[in-house]
């Protein structure tokens, strides 16, 4: 008599990374809204982000996660409902950068594998991670990206709050304690933010080639391709080993 399993729980190999796809779609909508100056696209990005995140919040049964979701909903949707949909666009860089900073920072707790070390292990193998200096450098780069992304999120928040004219506070009729040039709202979220990221990537890459010059390094194109291919696995923390 053969037994057939009643339930087939999806494995890491069969699960579709819907949340990752949703975040990618959010980023595309937000960028399109910024470059085309179409606030409705930014609002659509905010709604998609909230809807994609809600099932994960529900499964956690966590009051803190639910409060974070509600705070994000207020931050993104209330300005749009008040007729200031462009303010939702200002919130998106803050949200995305904070989420990425958290993604790196959460892997620095005791007993966890730093995210960059996980990248190296899954893309290049355990042997690469065991080379002299690589594991310690991987942890340092994880700290670096957590700090860079958190700093960029704070800068985006300062620009969104204090820009004059056009910032959150002045738009809502609140007196500004300090003014930031409103011109930053025009170019920083759409251009300046990306330039800072590229500068951080380039700086880390050049430092790595110098600091770990005693070991061979893969080409940038190959490394980037491998990250794109294995991104869902990298974020989940799984690997190909049985």
C-alpha atoms as a PDB file:
ATOM      1  CA  UNK A   1       0.000   0.000   0.000  1.00  0.00           C
ATOM      2  CA  UNK A   2       1.605   3.233  -1.109  1.00  0.00           C
ATOM      3  CA  UNK A   3       1.231   6.458   0.776  1.00  0.00           C
ATOM      4  CA  UNK A   4       0.835   9.763  -0.973  1.00  0.00           C
ATOM      5  CA  UNK A   5       1.789  12.894   0.937  1.00  0.00           C
ATOM      6  CA  UNK A   6      -1.253  15.029   1.607  1.00  0.00           C
ATOM      7  CA  UNK A   7       0.622  18.288   1.410  1.00  0.00           C
ATOM      8  CA  UNK A   8       3.458  19.346  -0.825  1.00  0.00           C
ATOM      9  CA  UNK A   9       5.179  22.297   0.774  1.00  0.00           C
ATOM     10  CA  UNK A  10       7.118  24.338  -1.787  1.00  0.00           C
ATOM     11  CA  UNK A  11      10.855  23.979  -1.462  1.00  0.00           C
ATOM     12  CA  UNK A  12      13.477  26.681  -1.942  1.00  0.00           C
ATOM     13  CA  UNK A  13      14.044  25.353  -5.442  1.00  0.00           C
ATOM     14  CA  UNK A  14      10.376  25.521  -6.480  1.00  0.00           C
ATOM     15  CA  UNK A  15       9.189  28.662  -4.713  1.00  0.00           C
ATOM     16  CA  UNK A  16       8.789  31.631  -7.026  1.00  0.00           C
ATOM     17  CA  UNK A  17      10.372  34.787  -5.632  1.00  0.00           C
ATOM     18  CA  UNK A  18       7.171  36.803  -5.991  1.00  0.00           C
ATOM     19  CA  UNK A  19       8.213  39.317  -3.361  1.00  0.00           C
ATOM     20  CA  UNK A  20      11.468  40.011  -5.210  1.00  0.00           C
ATOM     21  CA  UNK A  21       9.581  40.452  -8.474  1.00  0.00           C
ATOM     22  CA  UNK A  22       7.132  42.805  -6.759  1.00  0.00           C
ATOM     23  CA  UNK A  23       9.998  44.914  -5.362  1.00  0.00           C
ATOM     24  CA  UNK A  24      11.561  45.069  -8.822  1.00  0.00           C
ATOM     25  CA  UNK A  25       8.238  46.191 -10.307  1.00  0.00           C
ATOM     26  CA  UNK A  26       7.907  48.807  -7.543  1.00  0.00           C
ATOM     27  CA  UNK A  27      11.336  50.173  -8.391  1.00  0.00           C
ATOM     28  CA  UNK A  28      10.480  50.372 -12.102  1.00  0.00           C
ATOM     29  CA  UNK A  29       7.197  52.156 -11.402  1.00  0.00           C
ATOM     30  CA  UNK A  30       8.863  54.577  -9.009  1.00  0.00           C
ATOM     31  CA  UNK A  31      11.635  55.359 -11.497  1.00  0.00           C
ATOM     32  CA  UNK A  32       9.111  55.825 -14.292  1.00  0.00           C
ATOM     33  CA  UNK A  33       7.047  58.126 -12.097  1.00  0.00           C
ATOM     34  CA  UNK A  34      10.114  60.200 -11.282  1.00  0.00           C
ATOM     35  CA  UNK A  35      11.565  60.486 -14.772  1.00  0.00           C
ATOM     36  CA  UNK A  36       8.180  61.059 -16.442  1.00  0.00           C
ATOM     37  CA  UNK A  37       6.868  63.259 -13.618  1.00  0.00           C
ATOM     38  CA  UNK A  38       3.743  61.092 -13.280  1.00  0.00           C
ATOM     39  CA  UNK A  39       2.693  60.948  -9.607  1.00  0.00           C
ATOM     40  CA  UNK A  40       0.053  58.233 -10.279  1.00  0.00           C
ATOM     41  CA  UNK A  41       2.871  55.836 -11.188  1.00  0.00           C
ATOM     42  CA  UNK A  42       4.517  56.575  -7.855  1.00  0.00           C
ATOM     43  CA  UNK A  43       1.241  55.909  -6.042  1.00  0.00           C
ATOM     44  CA  UNK A  44       0.914  52.622  -7.957  1.00  0.00           C
ATOM     45  CA  UNK A  45       4.427  51.683  -6.829  1.00  0.00           C
ATOM     46  CA  UNK A  46       3.479  52.445  -3.219  1.00  0.00           C
ATOM     47  CA  UNK A  47       0.314  50.342  -3.425  1.00  0.00           C
ATOM     48  CA  UNK A  48       2.166  47.418  -4.999  1.00  0.00           C
ATOM     49  CA  UNK A  49       4.812  47.593  -2.283  1.00  0.00           C
ATOM     50  CA  UNK A  50       2.193  47.517   0.458  1.00  0.00           C
ATOM     51  CA  UNK A  51       0.253  44.646  -1.141  1.00  0.00           C
ATOM     52  CA  UNK A  52       3.417  42.595  -1.730  1.00  0.00           C
ATOM     53  CA  UNK A  53       4.592  43.049   1.844  1.00  0.00           C
ATOM     54  CA  UNK A  54       1.237  42.375   3.544  1.00  0.00           C
ATOM     55  CA  UNK A  55       1.253  38.522   3.227  1.00  0.00           C
ATOM     56  CA  UNK A  56       4.729  38.383   4.774  1.00  0.00           C
ATOM     57  CA  UNK A  57       3.569  40.596   7.647  1.00  0.00           C
ATOM     58  CA  UNK A  58       0.483  38.416   8.128  1.00  0.00           C
ATOM     59  CA  UNK A  59       2.530  35.193   8.300  1.00  0.00           C
ATOM     60  CA  UNK A  60       4.849  36.635  10.950  1.00  0.00           C
ATOM     61  CA  UNK A  61       2.011  37.285  13.446  1.00  0.00           C
ATOM     62  CA  UNK A  62       4.186  40.106  14.771  1.00  0.00           C
ATOM     63  CA  UNK A  63       2.782  43.302  16.251  1.00  0.00           C
ATOM     64  CA  UNK A  64       6.019  45.124  15.386  1.00  0.00           C
ATOM     65  CA  UNK A  65       5.820  44.051  11.734  1.00  0.00           C
ATOM     66  CA  UNK A  66       2.164  45.089  11.567  1.00  0.00           C
ATOM     67  CA  UNK A  67       2.953  48.498  13.079  1.00  0.00           C
ATOM     68  CA  UNK A  68       5.768  48.952  10.543  1.00  0.00           C
ATOM     69  CA  UNK A  69       3.368  48.086   7.716  1.00  0.00           C
ATOM     70  CA  UNK A  70       0.759  50.545   9.000  1.00  0.00           C
ATOM     71  CA  UNK A  71       3.384  53.278   9.376  1.00  0.00           C
ATOM     72  CA  UNK A  72       4.538  52.684   5.815  1.00  0.00           C
ATOM     73  CA  UNK A  73       0.941  52.785   4.574  1.00  0.00           C
ATOM     74  CA  UNK A  74       0.403  56.131   6.280  1.00  0.00           C
ATOM     75  CA  UNK A  75       3.690  57.495   4.971  1.00  0.00           C
ATOM     76  CA  UNK A  76       2.925  56.535   1.386  1.00  0.00           C
ATOM     77  CA  UNK A  77      -0.835  56.889   1.064  1.00  0.00           C
ATOM     78  CA  UNK A  78      -1.895  59.780   3.304  1.00  0.00           C
ATOM     79  CA  UNK A  79      -0.071  62.432   1.233  1.00  0.00           C
ATOM     80  CA  UNK A  80      -1.653  61.042  -1.937  1.00  0.00           C
ATOM     81  CA  UNK A  81      -5.141  61.141  -0.380  1.00  0.00           C
ATOM     82  CA  UNK A  82      -4.528  64.774   0.608  1.00  0.00           C
ATOM     83  CA  UNK A  83      -3.881  65.671  -3.015  1.00  0.00           C
ATOM     84  CA  UNK A  84      -0.073  65.589  -2.789  1.00  0.00           C
ATOM     85  CA  UNK A  85       0.739  62.397  -4.670  1.00  0.00           C
ATOM     86  CA  UNK A  86       4.243  63.675  -5.372  1.00  0.00           C
ATOM     87  CA  UNK A  87       5.036  63.300  -1.669  1.00  0.00           C
ATOM     88  CA  UNK A  88       4.604  59.538  -2.017  1.00  0.00           C
ATOM     89  CA  UNK A  89       7.424  59.593  -4.570  1.00  0.00           C
ATOM     90  CA  UNK A  90       9.688  61.263  -1.998  1.00  0.00           C
ATOM     91  CA  UNK A  91       8.960  58.450   0.455  1.00  0.00           C
ATOM     92  CA  UNK A  92       9.915  55.614  -1.872  1.00  0.00           C
ATOM     93  CA  UNK A  93      13.719  56.161  -1.836  1.00  0.00           C
ATOM     94  CA  UNK A  94      13.573  56.308   1.960  1.00  0.00           C
ATOM     95  CA  UNK A  95      11.652  53.034   2.099  1.00  0.00           C
ATOM     96  CA  UNK A  96      13.741  51.140  -0.453  1.00  0.00           C
ATOM     97  CA  UNK A  97      17.095  52.266   0.943  1.00  0.00           C
ATOM     98  CA  UNK A  98      16.006  51.486   4.507  1.00  0.00           C
ATOM     99  CA  UNK A  99      14.850  48.027   3.425  1.00  0.00           C
ATOM    100  CA  UNK A 100      18.173  47.323   1.713  1.00  0.00           C
ATOM    101  CA  UNK A 101      20.140  48.581   4.730  1.00  0.00           C
ATOM    102  CA  UNK A 102      18.091  46.271   6.966  1.00  0.00           C
ATOM    103  CA  UNK A 103      18.733  43.370   4.568  1.00  0.00           C
ATOM    104  CA  UNK A 104      22.479  43.757   5.111  1.00  0.00           C
ATOM    105  CA  UNK A 105      22.362  44.709   8.798  1.00  0.00           C
ATOM    106  CA  UNK A 106      20.193  41.786   9.911  1.00  0.00           C
ATOM    107  CA  UNK A 107      22.899  39.331   8.809  1.00  0.00           C
ATOM    108  CA  UNK A 108      25.441  40.890  11.186  1.00  0.00           C
ATOM    109  CA  UNK A 109      23.839  39.552  14.358  1.00  0.00           C
ATOM    110  CA  UNK A 110      25.778  36.896  16.313  1.00  0.00           C
ATOM    111  CA  UNK A 111      25.588  33.464  14.719  1.00  0.00           C
ATOM    112  CA  UNK A 112      24.364  34.760  11.347  1.00  0.00           C
ATOM    113  CA  UNK A 113      26.289  34.636   8.093  1.00  0.00           C
ATOM    114  CA  UNK A 114      27.056  38.155   6.764  1.00  0.00           C
ATOM    115  CA  UNK A 115      25.221  38.804   3.505  1.00  0.00           C
ATOM    116  CA  UNK A 116      28.376  39.429   1.459  1.00  0.00           C
ATOM    117  CA  UNK A 117      29.889  36.176   2.795  1.00  0.00           C
ATOM    118  CA  UNK A 118      26.707  34.419   1.659  1.00  0.00           C
ATOM    119  CA  UNK A 119      27.118  35.983  -1.782  1.00  0.00           C
ATOM    120  CA  UNK A 120      30.678  34.686  -2.040  1.00  0.00           C
ATOM    121  CA  UNK A 121      29.779  31.203  -0.796  1.00  0.00           C
ATOM    122  CA  UNK A 122      26.842  30.714  -3.160  1.00  0.00           C
ATOM    123  CA  UNK A 123      28.431  32.337  -6.200  1.00  0.00           C
ATOM    124  CA  UNK A 124      32.074  31.285  -5.905  1.00  0.00           C
ATOM    125  CA  UNK A 125      32.009  28.418  -3.413  1.00  0.00           C
ATOM    126  CA  UNK A 126      33.289  27.655   0.076  1.00  0.00           C
ATOM    127  CA  UNK A 127      36.877  27.430  -1.158  1.00  0.00           C
ATOM    128  CA  UNK A 128      36.834  31.094  -2.145  1.00  0.00           C
ATOM    129  CA  UNK A 129      35.440  32.100   1.237  1.00  0.00           C
ATOM    130  CA  UNK A 130      38.197  30.123   2.978  1.00  0.00           C
ATOM    131  CA  UNK A 131      41.007  32.060   1.279  1.00  0.00           C
ATOM    132  CA  UNK A 132      43.104  34.229   3.624  1.00  0.00           C
ATOM    133  CA  UNK A 133      41.350  37.485   4.524  1.00  0.00           C
ATOM    134  CA  UNK A 134      38.181  36.858   2.501  1.00  0.00           C
ATOM    135  CA  UNK A 135      35.792  35.975   5.318  1.00  0.00           C
ATOM    136  CA  UNK A 136      36.786  38.962   7.460  1.00  0.00           C
ATOM    137  CA  UNK A 137      36.611  41.285   4.454  1.00  0.00           C
ATOM    138  CA  UNK A 138      33.148  39.952   3.577  1.00  0.00           C
ATOM    139  CA  UNK A 139      31.879  40.913   7.034  1.00  0.00           C
ATOM    140  CA  UNK A 140      33.470  44.344   6.728  1.00  0.00           C
ATOM    141  CA  UNK A 141      31.825  44.963   3.357  1.00  0.00           C
ATOM    142  CA  UNK A 142      28.466  43.892   4.798  1.00  0.00           C
ATOM    143  CA  UNK A 143      28.912  46.539   7.505  1.00  0.00           C
ATOM    144  CA  UNK A 144      29.967  49.036   4.826  1.00  0.00           C
ATOM    145  CA  UNK A 145      26.827  48.534   2.726  1.00  0.00           C
ATOM    146  CA  UNK A 146      24.534  48.569   5.752  1.00  0.00           C
ATOM    147  CA  UNK A 147      26.010  51.945   6.772  1.00  0.00           C
ATOM    148  CA  UNK A 148      26.065  53.411   3.243  1.00  0.00           C
ATOM    149  CA  UNK A 149      22.459  52.461   2.534  1.00  0.00           C
ATOM    150  CA  UNK A 150      21.261  53.622   5.953  1.00  0.00           C
ATOM    151  CA  UNK A 151      23.071  56.929   5.461  1.00  0.00           C
ATOM    152  CA  UNK A 152      21.508  57.376   2.031  1.00  0.00           C
ATOM    153  CA  UNK A 153      18.075  56.613   3.486  1.00  0.00           C
ATOM    154  CA  UNK A 154      18.619  59.291   6.156  1.00  0.00           C
ATOM    155  CA  UNK A 155      19.788  61.786   3.531  1.00  0.00           C
ATOM    156  CA  UNK A 156      16.730  61.046   1.392  1.00  0.00           C
ATOM    157  CA  UNK A 157      14.516  61.561   4.443  1.00  0.00           C
ATOM    158  CA  UNK A 158      16.169  64.894   5.277  1.00  0.00           C
ATOM    159  CA  UNK A 159      15.725  66.122   1.692  1.00  0.00           C
ATOM    160  CA  UNK A 160      12.095  64.986   1.602  1.00  0.00           C
ATOM    161  CA  UNK A 161      11.271  66.610   4.953  1.00  0.00           C
ATOM    162  CA  UNK A 162      13.167  69.887   4.772  1.00  0.00           C
ATOM    163  CA  UNK A 163      13.261  70.819   1.070  1.00  0.00           C
ATOM    164  CA  UNK A 164      11.970  74.309   0.341  1.00  0.00           C
ATOM    165  CA  UNK A 165       9.877  74.585  -1.685  1.00  0.00           C
ATOM    166  CA  UNK A 166       8.228  71.216  -2.261  1.00  0.00           C
ATOM    167  CA  UNK A 167       9.205  69.210   0.841  1.00  0.00           C
ATOM    168  CA  UNK A 168       6.834  67.321   3.090  1.00  0.00           C
ATOM    169  CA  UNK A 169       6.809  69.798   5.965  1.00  0.00           C
ATOM    170  CA  UNK A 170       6.365  72.981   3.942  1.00  0.00           C
ATOM    171  CA  UNK A 171       3.707  71.320   1.772  1.00  0.00           C
ATOM    172  CA  UNK A 172       1.750  70.380   4.907  1.00  0.00           C
ATOM    173  CA  UNK A 173       2.074  73.922   6.270  1.00  0.00           C
ATOM    174  CA  UNK A 174       4.659  73.161   8.977  1.00  0.00           C
ATOM    175  CA  UNK A 175       7.375  75.720   9.711  1.00  0.00           C
ATOM    176  CA  UNK A 176      10.797  74.453   8.718  1.00  0.00           C
ATOM    177  CA  UNK A 177      13.512  74.489  11.422  1.00  0.00           C
ATOM    178  CA  UNK A 178      16.145  74.245   8.664  1.00  0.00           C
ATOM    179  CA  UNK A 179      15.781  74.647   4.912  1.00  0.00           C
ATOM    180  CA  UNK A 180      17.280  72.363   2.277  1.00  0.00           C
ATOM    181  CA  UNK A 181      17.349  73.665  -1.322  1.00  0.00           C
ATOM    182  CA  UNK A 182      14.268  72.469  -3.169  1.00  0.00           C
ATOM    183  CA  UNK A 183      16.409  71.805  -6.241  1.00  0.00           C
ATOM    184  CA  UNK A 184      17.582  68.616  -4.509  1.00  0.00           C
ATOM    185  CA  UNK A 185      14.094  67.178  -5.017  1.00  0.00           C
ATOM    186  CA  UNK A 186      14.553  67.542  -8.768  1.00  0.00           C
ATOM    187  CA  UNK A 187      17.813  65.647  -9.190  1.00  0.00           C
ATOM    188  CA  UNK A 188      18.754  63.774  -6.008  1.00  0.00           C
ATOM    189  CA  UNK A 189      16.115  60.952  -6.000  1.00  0.00           C
ATOM    190  CA  UNK A 190      16.447  60.379  -9.752  1.00  0.00           C
ATOM    191  CA  UNK A 191      20.164  61.019 -10.371  1.00  0.00           C
ATOM    192  CA  UNK A 192      22.129  61.841  -7.219  1.00  0.00           C
ATOM    193  CA  UNK A 193      21.057  58.699  -5.372  1.00  0.00           C
ATOM    194  CA  UNK A 194      22.238  56.470  -8.226  1.00  0.00           C
ATOM    195  CA  UNK A 195      25.512  58.367  -8.553  1.00  0.00           C
ATOM    196  CA  UNK A 196      26.218  57.791  -4.854  1.00  0.00           C
ATOM    197  CA  UNK A 197      25.525  54.075  -5.245  1.00  0.00           C
ATOM    198  CA  UNK A 198      27.805  53.832  -8.281  1.00  0.00           C
ATOM    199  CA  UNK A 199      30.546  55.709  -6.417  1.00  0.00           C
ATOM    200  CA  UNK A 200      30.197  53.324  -3.453  1.00  0.00           C
ATOM    201  CA  UNK A 201      30.350  50.280  -5.763  1.00  0.00           C
ATOM    202  CA  UNK A 202      33.388  51.613  -7.592  1.00  0.00           C
ATOM    203  CA  UNK A 203      35.189  52.603  -4.389  1.00  0.00           C
ATOM    204  CA  UNK A 204      34.596  49.223  -2.745  1.00  0.00           C
ATOM    205  CA  UNK A 205      35.677  47.377  -5.903  1.00  0.00           C
ATOM    206  CA  UNK A 206      38.950  49.306  -6.192  1.00  0.00           C
ATOM    207  CA  UNK A 207      39.686  48.906  -2.477  1.00  0.00           C
ATOM    208  CA  UNK A 208      38.972  45.162  -2.683  1.00  0.00           C
ATOM    209  CA  UNK A 209      41.355  44.699  -5.621  1.00  0.00           C
ATOM    210  CA  UNK A 210      44.062  46.440  -3.606  1.00  0.00           C
ATOM    211  CA  UNK A 211      43.343  44.910  -0.175  1.00  0.00           C
ATOM    212  CA  UNK A 212      42.943  41.339  -1.488  1.00  0.00           C
ATOM    213  CA  UNK A 213      45.504  41.634  -4.252  1.00  0.00           C
ATOM    214  CA  UNK A 214      47.032  38.284  -3.229  1.00  0.00           C
ATOM    215  CA  UNK A 215      44.031  36.356  -4.627  1.00  0.00           C
ATOM    216  CA  UNK A 216      42.439  36.303  -8.119  1.00  0.00           C
ATOM    217  CA  UNK A 217      39.204  38.233  -8.668  1.00  0.00           C
ATOM    218  CA  UNK A 218      36.305  37.381 -11.024  1.00  0.00           C
ATOM    219  CA  UNK A 219      35.299  39.851 -13.689  1.00  0.00           C
ATOM    220  CA  UNK A 220      32.659  42.432 -12.786  1.00  0.00           C
ATOM    221  CA  UNK A 221      30.310  41.214 -15.529  1.00  0.00           C
ATOM    222  CA  UNK A 222      30.446  37.581 -14.434  1.00  0.00           C
ATOM    223  CA  UNK A 223      29.966  38.459 -10.770  1.00  0.00           C
ATOM    224  CA  UNK A 224      26.964  40.716 -11.548  1.00  0.00           C
ATOM    225  CA  UNK A 225      25.383  38.032 -13.752  1.00  0.00           C
ATOM    226  CA  UNK A 226      25.731  35.437 -11.014  1.00  0.00           C
ATOM    227  CA  UNK A 227      24.135  37.774  -8.459  1.00  0.00           C
ATOM    228  CA  UNK A 228      21.131  38.361 -10.744  1.00  0.00           C
ATOM    229  CA  UNK A 229      20.740  34.618 -11.372  1.00  0.00           C
ATOM    230  CA  UNK A 230      20.989  33.640  -7.708  1.00  0.00           C
ATOM    231  CA  UNK A 231      19.384  36.681  -6.072  1.00  0.00           C
ATOM    232  CA  UNK A 232      16.284  34.852  -4.657  1.00  0.00           C
ATOM    233  CA  UNK A 233      18.548  32.175  -3.137  1.00  0.00           C
ATOM    234  CA  UNK A 234      20.922  34.801  -1.762  1.00  0.00           C
ATOM    235  CA  UNK A 235      18.126  36.710  -0.049  1.00  0.00           C
ATOM    236  CA  UNK A 236      16.471  33.566   1.345  1.00  0.00           C
ATOM    237  CA  UNK A 237      19.780  32.245   2.642  1.00  0.00           C
ATOM    238  CA  UNK A 238      19.430  28.840   1.009  1.00  0.00           C
ATOM    239  CA  UNK A 239      22.000  27.040  -1.056  1.00  0.00           C
ATOM    240  CA  UNK A 240      22.235  24.222  -3.499  1.00  0.00           C
ATOM    241  CA  UNK A 241      23.535  21.692  -1.058  1.00  0.00           C
ATOM    242  CA  UNK A 242      21.202  18.946   0.062  1.00  0.00           C
END
